[in-house]
Amino acid sequence: MQNASRAQRGFLYFIPRRRAKPVVLDGALKDEARHLLDAMREMVAREAMPEATPFRGRCCACEFRRFCNDV
């Protein structure tokens, strides 16, 4: 992942609005992204599902809602 630290910006894509918003990738945000990616890799290795969200409205648009059995 040598080139991963060279990115200066990224984009958040808002599905319902079909809009992308540019985001400046500073050091703290890159560190948080690395931490979250490590956590996701660990979940995949353990074949574990994430905890259910307390915001049930998010489940309506989730592509995994029929698999998690939390809704």
N, C-alpha and C. Protein backbone atom coordinates (compact mmCIF):
# COMPACT_ATOMS: atom_id res chain seq x y z
N MET A 1 0.82 -1.20 0.00
CA MET A 1 0.00 0.00 0.00
C MET A 1 0.86 1.26 0.00
N GLN A 2 1.90 1.23 -0.71
CA GLN A 2 2.83 2.35 -0.72
C GLN A 2 2.17 3.62 -1.26
N ASN A 3 1.36 3.55 -2.29
CA ASN A 3 0.74 4.72 -2.89
C ASN A 3 -0.48 5.22 -2.14
N ALA A 4 -1.00 4.45 -1.18
CA ALA A 4 -2.23 4.85 -0.49
C ALA A 4 -2.07 6.16 0.27
N SER A 5 -0.90 6.45 0.78
CA SER A 5 -0.71 7.66 1.56
C SER A 5 -0.57 8.91 0.69
N ARG A 6 -0.50 8.75 -0.62
CA ARG A 6 -0.32 9.89 -1.52
C ARG A 6 -1.63 10.57 -1.92
N ALA A 7 -2.74 9.95 -1.67
CA ALA A 7 -4.03 10.55 -2.04
C ALA A 7 -4.24 11.83 -1.24
N GLN A 8 -4.65 12.87 -1.93
CA GLN A 8 -4.89 14.16 -1.28
C GLN A 8 -6.37 14.42 -1.02
N ARG A 9 -7.24 13.76 -1.81
CA ARG A 9 -8.67 13.93 -1.60
C ARG A 9 -9.39 12.66 -2.03
N GLY A 10 -10.61 12.57 -1.56
CA GLY A 10 -11.48 11.46 -1.91
C GLY A 10 -12.88 12.01 -2.13
N PHE A 11 -13.85 11.13 -2.25
CA PHE A 11 -15.22 11.56 -2.48
C PHE A 11 -16.18 10.73 -1.64
N LEU A 12 -17.19 11.39 -1.11
CA LEU A 12 -18.32 10.71 -0.49
C LEU A 12 -19.45 10.74 -1.50
N TYR A 13 -20.03 9.58 -1.75
CA TYR A 13 -21.12 9.53 -2.71
C TYR A 13 -22.42 9.30 -1.97
N PHE A 14 -23.35 10.20 -2.15
CA PHE A 14 -24.66 10.14 -1.51
C PHE A 14 -25.63 9.49 -2.49
N ILE A 15 -25.96 8.23 -2.23
CA ILE A 15 -26.76 7.43 -3.16
C ILE A 15 -28.12 8.05 -3.46
N PRO A 16 -28.92 8.40 -2.43
CA PRO A 16 -30.26 8.92 -2.76
C PRO A 16 -30.21 10.20 -3.60
N ARG A 17 -29.23 11.04 -3.37
CA ARG A 17 -29.13 12.30 -4.11
C ARG A 17 -28.32 12.20 -5.39
N ARG A 18 -27.62 11.08 -5.55
CA ARG A 18 -26.75 10.86 -6.71
C ARG A 18 -25.74 12.00 -6.86
N ARG A 19 -25.12 12.33 -5.75
CA ARG A 19 -24.14 13.42 -5.72
C ARG A 19 -22.87 12.94 -5.02
N ALA A 20 -21.75 13.43 -5.51
CA ALA A 20 -20.46 13.17 -4.87
C ALA A 20 -19.96 14.45 -4.24
N LYS A 21 -19.37 14.33 -3.06
CA LYS A 21 -18.83 15.49 -2.37
C LYS A 21 -17.33 15.26 -2.16
N PRO A 22 -16.48 16.17 -2.61
CA PRO A 22 -15.04 15.99 -2.40
C PRO A 22 -14.69 16.15 -0.92
N VAL A 23 -13.72 15.38 -0.47
CA VAL A 23 -13.26 15.41 0.92
C VAL A 23 -11.74 15.48 0.92
N VAL A 24 -11.18 16.43 1.65
CA VAL A 24 -9.73 16.53 1.80
C VAL A 24 -9.27 15.42 2.76
N LEU A 25 -8.30 14.65 2.34
CA LEU A 25 -7.80 13.53 3.14
C LEU A 25 -6.56 13.97 3.91
N ASP A 26 -6.79 14.48 5.11
CA ASP A 26 -5.65 14.86 5.94
C ASP A 26 -5.13 13.63 6.69
N GLY A 27 -4.08 13.80 7.45
CA GLY A 27 -3.45 12.68 8.16
C GLY A 27 -4.39 11.97 9.11
N ALA A 28 -5.19 12.73 9.86
CA ALA A 28 -6.11 12.12 10.82
C ALA A 28 -7.18 11.30 10.12
N LEU A 29 -7.71 11.80 9.02
CA LEU A 29 -8.74 11.07 8.28
C LEU A 29 -8.16 9.80 7.65
N LYS A 30 -6.94 9.88 7.15
CA LYS A 30 -6.28 8.70 6.59
C LYS A 30 -6.05 7.65 7.68
N ASP A 31 -5.63 8.10 8.87
CA ASP A 31 -5.43 7.16 9.98
C ASP A 31 -6.73 6.48 10.36
N GLU A 32 -7.83 7.24 10.40
CA GLU A 32 -9.13 6.66 10.73
C GLU A 32 -9.56 5.66 9.67
N ALA A 33 -9.32 5.99 8.40
CA ALA A 33 -9.68 5.07 7.32
C ALA A 33 -8.87 3.78 7.43
N ARG A 34 -7.59 3.88 7.74
CA ARG A 34 -6.77 2.67 7.91
C ARG A 34 -7.28 1.81 9.06
N HIS A 35 -7.65 2.47 10.16
CA HIS A 35 -8.18 1.75 11.32
C HIS A 35 -9.48 1.02 10.94
N LEU A 36 -10.38 1.70 10.24
CA LEU A 36 -11.64 1.08 9.84
C LEU A 36 -11.42 -0.07 8.86
N LEU A 37 -10.48 0.10 7.93
CA LEU A 37 -10.17 -1.00 7.01
C LEU A 37 -9.60 -2.21 7.74
N ASP A 38 -8.74 -1.97 8.73
CA ASP A 38 -8.21 -3.08 9.53
C ASP A 38 -9.34 -3.81 10.26
N ALA A 39 -10.29 -3.04 10.80
CA ALA A 39 -11.42 -3.65 11.51
C ALA A 39 -12.28 -4.47 10.54
N MET A 40 -12.49 -3.96 9.32
CA MET A 40 -13.27 -4.71 8.33
C MET A 40 -12.56 -5.99 7.92
N ARG A 41 -11.25 -5.91 7.74
CA ARG A 41 -10.49 -7.12 7.38
C ARG A 41 -10.58 -8.17 8.48
N GLU A 42 -10.53 -7.71 9.71
CA GLU A 42 -10.65 -8.63 10.86
C GLU A 42 -12.03 -9.29 10.88
N MET A 43 -13.07 -8.52 10.60
CA MET A 43 -14.42 -9.08 10.56
C MET A 43 -14.55 -10.12 9.45
N VAL A 44 -13.95 -9.85 8.30
CA VAL A 44 -13.99 -10.81 7.20
C VAL A 44 -13.25 -12.08 7.60
N ALA A 45 -12.10 -11.93 8.23
CA ALA A 45 -11.31 -13.09 8.64
C ALA A 45 -12.08 -13.94 9.66
N ARG A 46 -12.83 -13.28 10.54
CA ARG A 46 -13.61 -14.00 11.56
C ARG A 46 -15.00 -14.40 11.07
N GLU A 47 -15.35 -13.95 9.85
CA GLU A 47 -16.68 -14.18 9.29
C GLU A 47 -17.75 -13.66 10.24
N ALA A 48 -17.53 -12.45 10.75
CA ALA A 48 -18.45 -11.83 11.72
C ALA A 48 -19.21 -10.69 11.05
N MET A 49 -20.42 -10.48 11.51
CA MET A 49 -21.23 -9.36 11.03
C MET A 49 -21.08 -8.19 12.00
N PRO A 50 -21.21 -6.96 11.52
CA PRO A 50 -21.13 -5.81 12.43
C PRO A 50 -22.36 -5.74 13.33
N GLU A 51 -22.25 -4.97 14.40
CA GLU A 51 -23.39 -4.74 15.27
C GLU A 51 -24.48 -4.01 14.49
N ALA A 52 -25.71 -4.22 14.88
CA ALA A 52 -26.83 -3.53 14.23
C ALA A 52 -26.77 -2.04 14.53
N THR A 53 -27.19 -1.24 13.57
CA THR A 53 -27.23 0.20 13.79
C THR A 53 -28.43 0.56 14.66
N PRO A 54 -28.27 1.53 15.55
CA PRO A 54 -29.42 1.98 16.32
C PRO A 54 -30.37 2.84 15.48
N PHE A 55 -29.96 3.20 14.28
CA PHE A 55 -30.75 4.03 13.38
C PHE A 55 -31.41 3.12 12.34
N ARG A 56 -32.56 2.55 12.65
CA ARG A 56 -33.21 1.56 11.80
C ARG A 56 -33.60 2.10 10.42
N GLY A 57 -33.74 3.40 10.29
CA GLY A 57 -34.07 3.98 9.00
C GLY A 57 -33.01 3.70 7.95
N ARG A 58 -31.78 3.49 8.39
CA ARG A 58 -30.69 3.19 7.46
C ARG A 58 -30.86 1.83 6.81
N CYS A 59 -31.57 0.94 7.48
CA CYS A 59 -31.74 -0.42 6.97
C CYS A 59 -32.55 -0.46 5.68
N CYS A 60 -33.40 0.52 5.47
CA CYS A 60 -34.26 0.53 4.27
C CYS A 60 -33.45 0.56 2.99
N ALA A 61 -32.32 1.23 3.00
CA ALA A 61 -31.50 1.36 1.80
C ALA A 61 -30.29 0.43 1.81
N CYS A 62 -30.20 -0.44 2.80
CA CYS A 62 -29.01 -1.29 2.93
C CYS A 62 -29.13 -2.54 2.07
N GLU A 63 -28.10 -2.81 1.28
CA GLU A 63 -28.12 -3.97 0.42
C GLU A 63 -27.98 -5.28 1.19
N PHE A 64 -27.58 -5.21 2.46
CA PHE A 64 -27.37 -6.41 3.26
C PHE A 64 -28.49 -6.68 4.25
N ARG A 65 -29.56 -5.90 4.23
CA ARG A 65 -30.57 -5.99 5.29
C ARG A 65 -31.20 -7.38 5.38
N ARG A 66 -31.32 -8.09 4.30
CA ARG A 66 -31.93 -9.42 4.39
C ARG A 66 -30.96 -10.47 4.92
N PHE A 67 -29.69 -10.14 5.01
CA PHE A 67 -28.70 -11.08 5.52
C PHE A 67 -28.40 -10.91 7.00
N CYS A 68 -28.58 -9.73 7.52
CA CYS A 68 -28.15 -9.49 8.90
C CYS A 68 -29.19 -9.91 9.93
N ASN A 69 -30.44 -10.06 9.53
CA ASN A 69 -31.51 -10.51 10.43
C ASN A 69 -31.73 -9.59 11.62
N ASP A 70 -31.32 -8.35 11.50
CA ASP A 70 -31.51 -7.40 12.59
C ASP A 70 -32.70 -6.49 12.34
N VAL A 71 -33.37 -6.63 11.22
CA VAL A 71 -34.51 -5.75 10.91
C VAL A 71 -35.78 -6.56 10.79
